[in-house]
C-alpha atoms as a PDB file:
ATOM      1  CA  MET A   1      18.172 -11.745  34.782  1.00  0.00           C
ATOM      2  CA  LYS A   2      18.421  -9.104  32.095  1.00  0.00           C
ATOM      3  CA  ASP A   3      18.593  -5.508  33.190  1.00  0.00           C
ATOM      4  CA  GLU A   4      16.679  -2.690  31.520  1.00  0.00           C
ATOM      5  CA  HIS A   5      19.492  -2.123  29.019  1.00  0.00           C
ATOM      6  CA  ASP A   6      18.898  -5.602  27.607  1.00  0.00           C
ATOM      7  CA  ARG A   7      15.256  -4.958  26.844  1.00  0.00           C
ATOM      8  CA  PRO A   8      14.207  -3.744  23.387  1.00  0.00           C
ATOM      9  CA  ASP A   9      13.073  -0.132  23.463  1.00  0.00           C
ATOM     10  CA  GLU A  10       9.614   0.905  22.326  1.00  0.00           C
ATOM     11  CA  GLY A  11      10.763   1.742  18.828  1.00  0.00           C
ATOM     12  CA  SER A  12      13.066  -1.205  18.217  1.00  0.00           C
ATOM     13  CA  PRO A  13      12.406  -3.606  15.315  1.00  0.00           C
ATOM     14  CA  LEU A  14      11.826  -6.470  17.800  1.00  0.00           C
ATOM     15  CA  ARG A  15       9.233  -4.474  19.754  1.00  0.00           C
ATOM     16  CA  LEU A  16       7.555  -3.386  16.517  1.00  0.00           C
ATOM     17  CA  ARG A  17       7.356  -6.919  15.156  1.00  0.00           C
ATOM     18  CA  SER A  18       5.794  -8.097  18.420  1.00  0.00           C
ATOM     19  CA  ARG A  19       3.102  -5.397  18.274  1.00  0.00           C
ATOM     20  CA  VAL A  20       2.325  -6.039  14.623  1.00  0.00           C
ATOM     21  CA  ALA A  21       2.126  -9.789  15.260  1.00  0.00           C
ATOM     22  CA  ALA A  22      -0.314  -9.148  18.095  1.00  0.00           C
ATOM     23  CA  LEU A  23      -2.459  -7.098  15.749  1.00  0.00           C
ATOM     24  CA  ALA A  24      -2.487  -9.846  13.112  1.00  0.00           C
ATOM     25  CA  ALA A  25      -3.156 -12.697  15.545  1.00  0.00           C
ATOM     26  CA  PRO A  26      -6.976 -12.367  15.710  1.00  0.00           C
ATOM     27  CA  ALA A  27      -7.284 -12.494  11.935  1.00  0.00           C
ATOM     28  CA  ILE A  28      -4.994 -15.517  11.754  1.00  0.00           C
ATOM     29  CA  VAL A  29      -7.046 -17.349  14.420  1.00  0.00           C
ATOM     30  CA  CYS A  30     -10.305 -16.566  12.580  1.00  0.00           C
ATOM     31  CA  CYS A  31      -8.807 -17.839   9.361  1.00  0.00           C
ATOM     32  CA  LEU A  32      -7.725 -21.104  10.994  1.00  0.00           C
ATOM     33  CA  LEU A  33     -11.171 -21.622  12.507  1.00  0.00           C
ATOM     34  CA  ALA A  34     -12.711 -21.045   9.096  1.00  0.00           C
ATOM     35  CA  GLY A  35     -10.392 -23.580   7.519  1.00  0.00           C
ATOM     36  CA  CYS A  36      -8.385 -21.150   5.432  1.00  0.00           C
ATOM     37  CA  GLY A  37      -5.299 -22.736   3.933  1.00  0.00           C
ATOM     38  CA  THR A  38      -3.340 -19.712   2.733  1.00  0.00           C
ATOM     39  CA  ASP A  39      -3.455 -15.943   2.762  1.00  0.00           C
ATOM     40  CA  HIS A  40      -4.930 -16.061  -0.721  1.00  0.00           C
ATOM     41  CA  ASP A  41      -7.656 -18.402   0.485  1.00  0.00           C
ATOM     42  CA  ALA A  42      -8.470 -15.911   3.220  1.00  0.00           C
ATOM     43  CA  VAL A  43      -8.704 -13.105   0.711  1.00  0.00           C
ATOM     44  CA  ALA A  44     -11.050 -15.164  -1.418  1.00  0.00           C
ATOM     45  CA  THR A  45     -13.581 -15.216   1.406  1.00  0.00           C
ATOM     46  CA  GLN A  46     -13.841 -11.418   1.361  1.00  0.00           C
ATOM     47  CA  PRO A  47     -16.584  -9.758  -0.690  1.00  0.00           C
ATOM     48  CA  SER A  48     -15.271  -8.566  -4.026  1.00  0.00           C
ATOM     49  CA  PRO A  49     -14.922  -4.769  -4.051  1.00  0.00           C
ATOM     50  CA  THR A  50     -17.051  -2.830  -6.484  1.00  0.00           C
ATOM     51  CA  ALA A  51     -15.329  -1.543  -9.612  1.00  0.00           C
ATOM     52  CA  HIS A  52     -15.906   2.224  -9.797  1.00  0.00           C
ATOM     53  CA  ALA A  53     -14.348   2.775 -13.217  1.00  0.00           C
ATOM     54  CA  THR A  54     -13.047   1.167 -16.380  1.00  0.00           C
ATOM     55  CA  VAL A  55      -9.442   1.609 -17.464  1.00  0.00           C
ATOM     56  CA  GLY A  56      -8.349   2.115 -21.048  1.00  0.00           C
ATOM     57  CA  PRO A  57      -7.758  -0.929 -23.279  1.00  0.00           C
ATOM     58  CA  GLN A  58      -3.968  -0.597 -22.961  1.00  0.00           C
ATOM     59  CA  PHE A  59      -3.909  -0.588 -19.163  1.00  0.00           C
ATOM     60  CA  TYR A  60      -3.190  -4.314 -19.237  1.00  0.00           C
ATOM     61  CA  ASP A  61      -3.377  -7.215 -21.654  1.00  0.00           C
ATOM     62  CA  THR A  62      -7.002  -8.318 -21.490  1.00  0.00           C
ATOM     63  CA  ARG A  63      -6.049 -11.627 -23.122  1.00  0.00           C
ATOM     64  CA  ASN A  64      -3.629 -12.331 -20.305  1.00  0.00           C
ATOM     65  CA  PRO A  65      -4.898 -10.757 -17.045  1.00  0.00           C
ATOM     66  CA  PRO A  66      -2.269 -10.376 -14.347  1.00  0.00           C
ATOM     67  CA  PRO A  67      -2.177 -13.149 -11.732  1.00  0.00           C
ATOM     68  CA  PRO A  68      -2.118 -12.338  -7.992  1.00  0.00           C
ATOM     69  CA  GLU A  69       1.123 -10.515  -7.199  1.00  0.00           C
ATOM     70  CA  GLY A  70       1.691 -10.067 -10.931  1.00  0.00           C
ATOM     71  CA  THR A  71       2.991  -6.928 -12.620  1.00  0.00           C
ATOM     72  CA  ILE A  72       1.413  -4.855 -15.350  1.00  0.00           C
ATOM     73  CA  THR A  73       2.945  -1.967 -17.298  1.00  0.00           C
ATOM     74  CA  PRO A  74       0.082   0.282 -18.410  1.00  0.00           C
ATOM     75  CA  ALA A  75       0.470   2.401 -21.528  1.00  0.00           C
ATOM     76  CA  PRO A  76       0.774   6.102 -20.661  1.00  0.00           C
ATOM     77  CA  GLY A  77      -2.628   7.711 -20.623  1.00  0.00           C
ATOM     78  CA  SER A  78      -4.557   4.454 -20.253  1.00  0.00           C
ATOM     79  CA  TRP A  79      -5.659   5.650 -16.798  1.00  0.00           C
ATOM     80  CA  ASP A  80      -6.589   9.203 -17.835  1.00  0.00           C
ATOM     81  CA  GLY A  81     -10.327   8.481 -17.984  1.00  0.00           C
ATOM     82  CA  VAL A  82     -10.452   6.985 -14.474  1.00  0.00           C
ATOM     83  CA  HIS A  83     -11.763   9.253 -11.738  1.00  0.00           C
ATOM     84  CA  PRO A  84     -12.929   8.451  -8.214  1.00  0.00           C
ATOM     85  CA  PRO A  85     -16.680   8.659  -7.571  1.00  0.00           C
ATOM     86  CA  HIS A  86     -18.228  11.504  -5.620  1.00  0.00           C
ATOM     87  CA  GLY A  87     -17.616  11.075  -1.904  1.00  0.00           C
ATOM     88  CA  TYR A  88     -14.549   8.858  -2.317  1.00  0.00           C
ATOM     89  CA  ARG A  89     -12.548   8.895   0.921  1.00  0.00           C
ATOM     90  CA  VAL A  90      -8.807   8.336   1.243  1.00  0.00           C
ATOM     91  CA  VAL A  91      -6.444   8.245   4.207  1.00  0.00           C
ATOM     92  CA  LEU A  92      -2.790   8.931   3.445  1.00  0.00           C
ATOM     93  CA  VAL A  93      -0.317   7.431   5.913  1.00  0.00           C
ATOM     94  CA  SER A  94       3.214   8.776   5.511  1.00  0.00           C
ATOM     95  CA  MET A  95       6.465   8.271   7.353  1.00  0.00           C
ATOM     96  CA  GLY A  96       9.775   9.984   6.650  1.00  0.00           C
ATOM     97  CA  THR A  97      11.111  13.443   5.932  1.00  0.00           C
ATOM     98  CA  ASP A  98      13.408  12.439   3.052  1.00  0.00           C
ATOM     99  CA  LYS A  99      12.861  14.074  -0.327  1.00  0.00           C
ATOM    100  CA  PRO A 100      11.331  10.998  -2.059  1.00  0.00           C
ATOM    101  CA  THR A 101       8.732  10.611   0.688  1.00  0.00           C
ATOM    102  CA  ARG A 102       7.896  14.325   0.627  1.00  0.00           C
ATOM    103  CA  THR A 103       7.500  14.198  -3.149  1.00  0.00           C
ATOM    104  CA  LEU A 104       5.177  11.188  -2.881  1.00  0.00           C
ATOM    105  CA  ARG A 105       3.118  12.892  -0.192  1.00  0.00           C
ATOM    106  CA  ASP A 106       2.774  16.009  -2.318  1.00  0.00           C
ATOM    107  CA  ALA A 107       1.684  13.919  -5.307  1.00  0.00           C
ATOM    108  CA  VAL A 108      -1.089  12.240  -3.314  1.00  0.00           C
ATOM    109  CA  GLU A 109      -2.295  15.569  -1.917  1.00  0.00           C
ATOM    110  CA  ALA A 110      -2.258  17.189  -5.370  1.00  0.00           C
ATOM    111  CA  TRP A 111      -4.212  14.268  -6.862  1.00  0.00           C
ATOM    112  CA  ALA A 112      -6.812  14.417  -4.074  1.00  0.00           C
ATOM    113  CA  ALA A 113      -7.263  18.161  -4.531  1.00  0.00           C
ATOM    114  CA  SER A 114      -7.673  17.900  -8.299  1.00  0.00           C
ATOM    115  CA  GLU A 115     -10.163  15.026  -7.988  1.00  0.00           C
ATOM    116  CA  GLN A 116     -12.032  16.582  -5.024  1.00  0.00           C
ATOM    117  CA  VAL A 117     -11.335  13.515  -2.934  1.00  0.00           C
ATOM    118  CA  GLU A 118     -11.854  13.691   0.816  1.00  0.00           C
ATOM    119  CA  LEU A 119      -8.316  13.178   2.114  1.00  0.00           C
ATOM    120  CA  GLN A 120      -7.059  12.752   5.660  1.00  0.00           C
ATOM    121  CA  HIS A 121      -3.321  12.661   6.269  1.00  0.00           C
ATOM    122  CA  ILE A 122      -1.876  10.684   9.183  1.00  0.00           C
ATOM    123  CA  VAL A 123       1.819  11.315   9.806  1.00  0.00           C
ATOM    124  CA  VAL A 124       3.872   8.629  11.580  1.00  0.00           C
ATOM    125  CA  ASP A 125       6.746  10.280  13.452  1.00  0.00           C
ATOM    126  CA  ASP A 126       8.560   7.203  14.760  1.00  0.00           C
ATOM    127  CA  HIS A 127       8.430   3.412  14.600  1.00  0.00           C
ATOM    128  CA  ASP A 128       6.583   3.056  17.877  1.00  0.00           C
ATOM    129  CA  GLN A 129       3.591   4.870  16.330  1.00  0.00           C
ATOM    130  CA  ILE A 130       3.245   2.744  13.206  1.00  0.00           C
ATOM    131  CA  VAL A 131       0.790   0.117  14.463  1.00  0.00           C
ATOM    132  CA  GLY A 132      -1.432   2.619  16.269  1.00  0.00           C
ATOM    133  CA  LYS A 133      -1.563   5.150  13.455  1.00  0.00           C
ATOM    134  CA  VAL A 134      -2.100   2.654  10.629  1.00  0.00           C
ATOM    135  CA  THR A 135      -4.824   1.043  12.756  1.00  0.00           C
ATOM    136  CA  ARG A 136      -6.368   4.504  13.214  1.00  0.00           C
ATOM    137  CA  ALA A 137      -6.372   4.962   9.425  1.00  0.00           C
ATOM    138  CA  ILE A 138      -8.234   1.667   8.996  1.00  0.00           C
ATOM    139  CA  GLU A 139     -10.734   2.540  11.747  1.00  0.00           C
ATOM    140  CA  LEU A 140     -11.721   5.642   9.764  1.00  0.00           C
ATOM    141  CA  GLN A 141     -13.124   3.161   7.194  1.00  0.00           C
ATOM    142  CA  PRO A 142     -11.934   4.974   4.070  1.00  0.00           C
ATOM    143  CA  ASP A 143     -12.338   3.653   0.568  1.00  0.00           C
ATOM    144  CA  LEU A 144      -8.572   3.507   0.259  1.00  0.00           C
ATOM    145  CA  VAL A 145      -5.485   3.785   2.505  1.00  0.00           C
ATOM    146  CA  ILE A 146      -2.405   5.073   0.669  1.00  0.00           C
ATOM    147  CA  SER A 147       1.018   4.381   2.183  1.00  0.00           C
ATOM    148  CA  VAL A 148       4.190   6.328   1.377  1.00  0.00           C
ATOM    149  CA  GLY A 149       7.584   5.948   3.047  1.00  0.00           C
ATOM    150  CA  ASN A 150       9.921   2.944   3.082  1.00  0.00           C
ATOM    151  CA  ASP A 151       9.846   2.615   6.875  1.00  0.00           C
ATOM    152  CA  LEU A 152       6.183   1.549   6.652  1.00  0.00           C
ATOM    153  CA  ILE A 153       6.754  -1.406   4.332  1.00  0.00           C
ATOM    154  CA  ASP A 154       7.607  -4.207   6.780  1.00  0.00           C
ATOM    155  CA  PRO A 155       4.799  -3.381   9.260  1.00  0.00           C
ATOM    156  CA  MET A 156       2.296  -2.909   6.398  1.00  0.00           C
ATOM    157  CA  ALA A 157       3.019  -6.429   5.171  1.00  0.00           C
ATOM    158  CA  MET A 158       1.455  -7.862   8.336  1.00  0.00           C
ATOM    159  CA  ILE A 159      -1.138  -5.165   9.055  1.00  0.00           C
ATOM    160  CA  THR A 160      -2.687  -5.366   5.591  1.00  0.00           C
ATOM    161  CA  ALA A 161      -2.996  -9.145   5.835  1.00  0.00           C
ATOM    162  CA  ALA A 162      -4.964  -8.709   9.066  1.00  0.00           C
ATOM    163  CA  HIS A 163      -7.463  -6.301   7.412  1.00  0.00           C
ATOM    164  CA  LEU A 164      -8.459  -7.996   4.178  1.00  0.00           C
ATOM    165  CA  GLY A 165     -11.624  -5.914   3.784  1.00  0.00           C
ATOM    166  CA  GLN A 166      -9.628  -2.675   3.460  1.00  0.00           C
ATOM    167  CA  GLN A 167      -8.021  -1.613   0.197  1.00  0.00           C
ATOM    168  CA  PHE A 168      -4.424  -0.340   0.332  1.00  0.00           C
ATOM    169  CA  LEU A 169      -2.176   1.354  -2.221  1.00  0.00           C
ATOM    170  CA  VAL A 170       1.582   1.522  -1.702  1.00  0.00           C
ATOM    171  CA  VAL A 171       3.273   4.146  -3.865  1.00  0.00           C
ATOM    172  CA  GLY A 172       7.005   4.191  -4.584  1.00  0.00           C
ATOM    173  CA  ALA A 173       7.636   0.767  -3.046  1.00  0.00           C
ATOM    174  CA  GLU A 174       5.919  -2.611  -2.829  1.00  0.00           C
ATOM    175  CA  LEU A 175       5.296  -5.463  -0.416  1.00  0.00           C
ATOM    176  CA  ALA A 176       7.240  -8.658  -1.001  1.00  0.00           C
ATOM    177  CA  GLU A 177       4.134 -10.885  -0.770  1.00  0.00           C
ATOM    178  CA  PRO A 178       0.996  -8.727  -0.911  1.00  0.00           C
ATOM    179  CA  THR A 179      -2.487 -10.023  -0.295  1.00  0.00           C
ATOM    180  CA  GLU A 180      -5.227  -9.229  -2.794  1.00  0.00           C
ATOM    181  CA  ASN A 181      -6.192  -6.022  -1.003  1.00  0.00           C
ATOM    182  CA  VAL A 182      -2.771  -4.425  -1.531  1.00  0.00           C
ATOM    183  CA  THR A 183      -1.805  -2.746  -4.817  1.00  0.00           C
ATOM    184  CA  ALA A 184       1.558  -1.096  -5.490  1.00  0.00           C
ATOM    185  CA  ALA A 185       2.661   1.544  -7.970  1.00  0.00           C
ATOM    186  CA  ASP A 186       6.389   1.325  -8.610  1.00  0.00           C
ATOM    187  CA  TRP A 187       9.088   2.077 -11.188  1.00  0.00           C
ATOM    188  CA  THR A 188      12.766   1.562 -11.907  1.00  0.00           C
ATOM    189  CA  GLY A 189      14.592   3.376  -9.135  1.00  0.00           C
ATOM    190  CA  ALA A 190      11.826   2.842  -6.573  1.00  0.00           C
ATOM    191  CA  SER A 191      12.765  -0.652  -5.542  1.00  0.00           C
ATOM    192  CA  PHE A 192      12.303  -1.028  -1.791  1.00  0.00           C
ATOM    193  CA  ARG A 193      10.386  -4.200  -0.863  1.00  0.00           C
ATOM    194  CA  GLY A 194      11.122  -4.682   2.824  1.00  0.00           C
ATOM    195  CA  GLU A 195      11.094  -8.183   4.331  1.00  0.00           C
ATOM    196  CA  GLY A 196      14.873  -7.975   4.753  1.00  0.00           C
ATOM    197  CA  LEU A 197      15.257  -7.412   1.026  1.00  0.00           C
ATOM    198  CA  GLY A 198      16.085  -3.744   1.512  1.00  0.00           C
ATOM    199  CA  ARG A 199      17.115  -1.433  -1.281  1.00  0.00           C
ATOM    200  CA  ALA A 200      18.079  -3.002  -4.579  1.00  0.00           C
ATOM    201  CA  ALA A 201      21.201  -1.750  -6.312  1.00  0.00           C
ATOM    202  CA  GLY A 202      19.000   0.199  -8.702  1.00  0.00           C
ATOM    203  CA  HIS A 203      17.345   2.299  -6.009  1.00  0.00           C
ATOM    204  CA  ASP A 204      17.551   5.923  -7.156  1.00  0.00           C
ATOM    205  CA  PRO A 205      16.115   8.730  -5.016  1.00  0.00           C
ATOM    206  CA  THR A 206      16.370  11.098  -7.986  1.00  0.00           C
ATOM    207  CA  SER A 207      13.766   8.973  -9.807  1.00  0.00           C
ATOM    208  CA  PHE A 208      11.103  10.313  -7.411  1.00  0.00           C
ATOM    209  CA  THR A 209      10.247  13.289  -9.558  1.00  0.00           C
ATOM    210  CA  PRO A 210       6.939  15.218  -9.220  1.00  0.00           C
ATOM    211  CA  GLU A 211       5.939  14.085 -12.697  1.00  0.00           C
ATOM    212  CA  ARG A 212       6.671  10.396 -12.139  1.00  0.00           C
ATOM    213  CA  THR A 213       5.127  10.219  -8.675  1.00  0.00           C
ATOM    214  CA  ALA A 214       2.005  11.952  -9.974  1.00  0.00           C
ATOM    215  CA  ARG A 215       1.669   9.316 -12.707  1.00  0.00           C
ATOM    216  CA  ALA A 216       2.249   6.532 -10.202  1.00  0.00           C
ATOM    217  CA  VAL A 217      -0.507   7.813  -7.918  1.00  0.00           C
ATOM    218  CA  ARG A 218      -3.018   8.111 -10.752  1.00  0.00           C
ATOM    219  CA  ALA A 219      -2.153   4.734 -12.279  1.00  0.00           C
ATOM    220  CA  GLY A 220      -2.228   2.995  -8.895  1.00  0.00           C
ATOM    221  CA  VAL A 221      -5.565   4.499  -7.951  1.00  0.00           C
ATOM    222  CA  ALA A 222      -6.930   3.589 -11.387  1.00  0.00           C
ATOM    223  CA  ALA A 223      -6.031  -0.038 -10.746  1.00  0.00           C
ATOM    224  CA  VAL A 224      -7.853   0.017  -7.421  1.00  0.00           C
ATOM    225  CA  LEU A 225     -10.908   1.802  -8.814  1.00  0.00           C
ATOM    226  CA  SER A 226     -11.167  -0.697 -11.687  1.00  0.00           C
ATOM    227  CA  ASN A 227     -10.798  -3.611  -9.237  1.00  0.00           C
ATOM    228  CA  HIS A 228      -7.358  -4.738 -10.472  1.00  0.00           C
ATOM    229  CA  THR A 229      -5.867  -5.179  -7.036  1.00  0.00           C
ATOM    230  CA  GLY A 230      -3.152  -7.286  -5.442  1.00  0.00           C
ATOM    231  CA  ILE A 231      -0.753  -6.455  -8.279  1.00  0.00           C
ATOM    232  CA  VAL A 232       2.151  -4.145  -9.038  1.00  0.00           C
ATOM    233  CA  VAL A 233       1.470  -1.318 -11.480  1.00  0.00           C
ATOM    234  CA  TRP A 234       4.837  -0.578 -13.093  1.00  0.00           C
ATOM    235  CA  ILE A 235       5.408   2.918 -14.444  1.00  0.00           C
ATOM    236  CA  ASP A 236       8.121   3.370 -17.079  1.00  0.00           C
END
């Protein structure tokens, strides 16, 4: 018999994976009953979100639209004409006190203020809170949930797949295998992908500048608003 020192604590990776798996289980069962074959099949059963805006002609190659999980590199300024509609609601979920995460958080808050977006900010203090607080963000039924902080990436990979009707934007990182409701805005130096892949050799915290993170937020939101989701928006 194992004593209490052998049990995973509340914030351990094993405990967290168990809680996230429990959250995803109902969606997986429903998918199996409906005859879904893959995650992408499950996404296809969801109603297509409404496009709220049109991006500039150089946002992506219209002759070669990005496939699911594909990457586009928009021309600077091709997202400038994209603005959220009146009443657009966003929940920002952040985790971490490191400088890159703080810079990302500030960029999202500055964008929301300039666009008069209704923003609620949910701060995750430790790993044991991730499932509950991300679930709380989804329960608020916003138009978009924005995630910042590398510690959220692995749990988000499962949580987002269990809530296909909710749009998500990950800024400064990306999921290894996102479903169609997850968009990422990333750049050279912001290379965390979770799933045991960790930080690539090119990860550079100094690349998280206010100017670059601001562009990433606007370009990522532009992709969501124009209904180009499930892709990576790469910012040079």
